[in-house]
């Protein structure tokens, strides 16, 4: 008799110091991945200093003790936070959704009413992820205005 032993992946997401070795390693992997997909690492759009605001946070997702992803929100103004540096090492395992759920709850705790983010149009995986998770395409904001390669998203929360 063959028994199928299925193990369900449990992803845990926790706030982390952005300057830890683990965080910096994940951010480096993300930059390499983005550079491969889009030709740009995205590093110029985010800084460790962005996490100094008390209404900003950086998180790491773990499968057991293994780091499998990261993400952040940073304050744009008192009602809006921007999602930054979303990364999941393992696609289709719920890592990205777990990170996004955590960040959305944190944004609600911080009393933001909306989340915004940007990615490149060529990054279809990210575009589809945001749309699947309730984000709508909006006109490009801030430094992304007039940049044809960029696509911006928004989600109302609360």
Protein backbone atom coordinates (compact mmCIF):
# COMPACT_ATOMS: atom_id res chain seq x y z
CA UNK A 1 0.00 0.00 0.00
CA UNK A 2 1.36 3.39 -1.03
CA UNK A 3 0.63 6.27 1.28
CA UNK A 4 1.04 9.76 -0.02
CA UNK A 5 2.64 11.91 2.63
CA UNK A 6 1.83 15.52 1.86
CA UNK A 7 3.53 18.23 3.80
CA UNK A 8 1.93 21.62 3.76
CA UNK A 9 4.32 24.55 3.64
CA UNK A 10 3.89 26.99 6.51
CA UNK A 11 5.31 30.41 5.81
CA UNK A 12 6.00 32.69 8.74
CA UNK A 13 6.50 36.41 8.18
CA UNK A 14 8.16 38.62 10.76
CA UNK A 15 9.56 42.12 10.92
CA UNK A 16 13.33 42.21 10.57
CA UNK A 17 16.20 44.65 10.65
CA UNK A 18 16.88 45.73 7.09
CA UNK A 19 20.61 45.85 7.66
CA UNK A 20 20.96 42.28 8.97
CA UNK A 21 23.06 39.85 6.92
CA UNK A 22 19.93 37.82 6.15
CA UNK A 23 18.01 40.87 4.92
CA UNK A 24 20.91 42.15 2.85
CA UNK A 25 21.34 38.71 1.27
CA UNK A 26 17.66 38.56 0.26
CA UNK A 27 17.79 42.11 -1.12
CA UNK A 28 20.88 41.21 -3.14
CA UNK A 29 19.13 38.14 -4.58
CA UNK A 30 16.10 40.29 -5.46
CA UNK A 31 18.29 42.87 -7.20
CA UNK A 32 19.96 40.14 -9.29
CA UNK A 33 16.57 38.63 -10.16
CA UNK A 34 15.12 42.00 -11.20
CA UNK A 35 18.19 42.81 -13.23
CA UNK A 36 17.76 39.52 -15.08
CA UNK A 37 14.02 40.10 -15.75
CA UNK A 38 13.98 43.83 -16.42
CA UNK A 39 17.55 44.94 -17.00
CA UNK A 40 17.41 47.08 -13.84
CA UNK A 41 18.07 45.99 -10.25
CA UNK A 42 15.63 48.49 -8.73
CA UNK A 43 18.20 49.41 -6.10
CA UNK A 44 18.03 53.11 -6.92
CA UNK A 45 14.35 53.18 -5.89
CA UNK A 46 14.93 51.98 -2.33
CA UNK A 47 17.36 52.68 0.47
CA UNK A 48 18.02 51.18 3.89
CA UNK A 49 17.24 54.69 5.19
CA UNK A 50 13.66 54.30 3.91
CA UNK A 51 13.00 52.04 6.90
CA UNK A 52 13.93 54.67 9.51
CA UNK A 53 10.37 56.07 9.53
CA UNK A 54 8.37 54.50 12.37
CA UNK A 55 5.46 53.88 9.96
CA UNK A 56 7.66 51.84 7.61
CA UNK A 57 8.69 48.23 8.02
CA UNK A 58 10.77 45.49 6.43
CA UNK A 59 9.84 41.82 6.73
CA UNK A 60 11.36 38.42 6.05
CA UNK A 61 9.36 35.30 5.22
CA UNK A 62 10.64 31.95 6.43
CA UNK A 63 9.84 28.35 5.69
CA UNK A 64 11.02 26.83 8.95
CA UNK A 65 14.32 28.57 9.63
CA UNK A 66 15.08 29.13 5.93
CA UNK A 67 14.57 32.69 4.63
CA UNK A 68 12.41 32.49 1.48
CA UNK A 69 11.38 36.08 0.80
CA UNK A 70 11.10 39.68 1.88
CA UNK A 71 9.12 42.85 1.44
CA UNK A 72 8.63 46.33 2.84
CA UNK A 73 6.26 49.23 3.14
CA UNK A 74 7.42 52.80 3.40
CA UNK A 75 5.41 55.90 4.14
CA UNK A 76 4.52 58.15 1.24
CA UNK A 77 2.20 60.35 3.32
CA UNK A 78 -0.18 59.86 6.28
CA UNK A 79 -2.70 57.91 4.19
CA UNK A 80 -0.48 56.08 1.69
CA UNK A 81 2.28 53.49 1.94
CA UNK A 82 4.35 52.10 -0.91
CA UNK A 83 5.20 48.41 -1.20
CA UNK A 84 8.88 47.90 -1.95
CA UNK A 85 11.34 45.04 -2.44
CA UNK A 86 8.78 42.22 -2.66
CA UNK A 87 10.63 38.98 -3.30
CA UNK A 88 9.80 35.30 -3.10
CA UNK A 89 12.54 32.74 -3.74
CA UNK A 90 9.97 30.00 -4.33
CA UNK A 91 7.15 30.72 -6.77
CA UNK A 92 3.75 29.15 -6.20
CA UNK A 93 4.39 28.31 -2.55
CA UNK A 94 2.40 31.17 -1.01
CA UNK A 95 5.47 33.18 -0.04
CA UNK A 96 4.46 36.36 -1.85
CA UNK A 97 0.87 36.17 -0.62
CA UNK A 98 2.03 35.65 2.96
CA UNK A 99 4.33 38.67 2.75
CA UNK A 100 1.66 40.83 1.15
CA UNK A 101 -0.96 39.81 3.76
CA UNK A 102 1.45 40.73 6.55
CA UNK A 103 2.31 44.08 4.95
CA UNK A 104 -1.37 44.92 4.34
CA UNK A 105 -2.19 44.21 7.99
CA UNK A 106 0.76 46.30 9.09
CA UNK A 107 -0.40 49.14 6.81
CA UNK A 108 -3.85 48.98 8.44
CA UNK A 109 -2.19 49.05 11.87
CA UNK A 110 -0.28 52.16 10.74
CA UNK A 111 -3.65 53.64 9.64
CA UNK A 112 -2.87 53.86 5.94
CA UNK A 113 -5.87 53.81 3.63
CA UNK A 114 -4.11 52.68 0.50
CA UNK A 115 -1.07 50.86 -0.79
CA UNK A 116 0.73 51.71 -4.00
CA UNK A 117 3.56 50.04 -5.85
CA UNK A 118 5.44 50.00 -9.14
CA UNK A 119 7.00 47.33 -11.25
CA UNK A 120 8.13 47.04 -14.84
CA UNK A 121 5.58 45.99 -17.46
CA UNK A 122 7.99 43.28 -18.63
CA UNK A 123 7.78 41.70 -15.14
CA UNK A 124 4.51 39.92 -15.93
CA UNK A 125 4.75 37.66 -12.88
CA UNK A 126 4.71 40.67 -10.54
CA UNK A 127 1.99 42.43 -12.54
CA UNK A 128 -0.25 39.36 -12.42
CA UNK A 129 0.47 38.88 -8.70
CA UNK A 130 -0.68 42.38 -7.81
CA UNK A 131 -3.82 42.14 -9.95
CA UNK A 132 -4.69 38.72 -8.41
CA UNK A 133 -4.35 40.32 -5.00
CA UNK A 134 -6.81 43.15 -5.57
CA UNK A 135 -4.56 45.90 -6.92
CA UNK A 136 -5.71 48.11 -9.78
CA UNK A 137 -3.53 49.78 -12.39
CA UNK A 138 -3.27 53.54 -11.81
CA UNK A 139 -1.50 56.38 -13.62
CA UNK A 140 2.21 56.33 -12.93
CA UNK A 141 3.11 58.35 -9.86
CA UNK A 142 6.19 60.20 -8.66
CA UNK A 143 9.42 59.38 -10.44
CA UNK A 144 7.59 56.81 -12.61
CA UNK A 145 5.54 59.47 -14.42
CA UNK A 146 6.32 59.46 -18.12
CA UNK A 147 8.21 56.17 -17.92
CA UNK A 148 6.67 53.80 -20.45
CA UNK A 149 8.41 50.73 -19.01
CA UNK A 150 6.77 51.22 -15.60
CA UNK A 151 3.30 50.22 -14.40
CA UNK A 152 1.86 51.42 -11.10
CA UNK A 153 -0.78 49.82 -8.89
CA UNK A 154 -3.04 50.81 -6.01
CA UNK A 155 -5.12 48.96 -3.46
CA UNK A 156 -7.55 50.59 -1.04
CA UNK A 157 -7.34 48.95 2.37
CA UNK A 158 -9.21 49.02 5.75
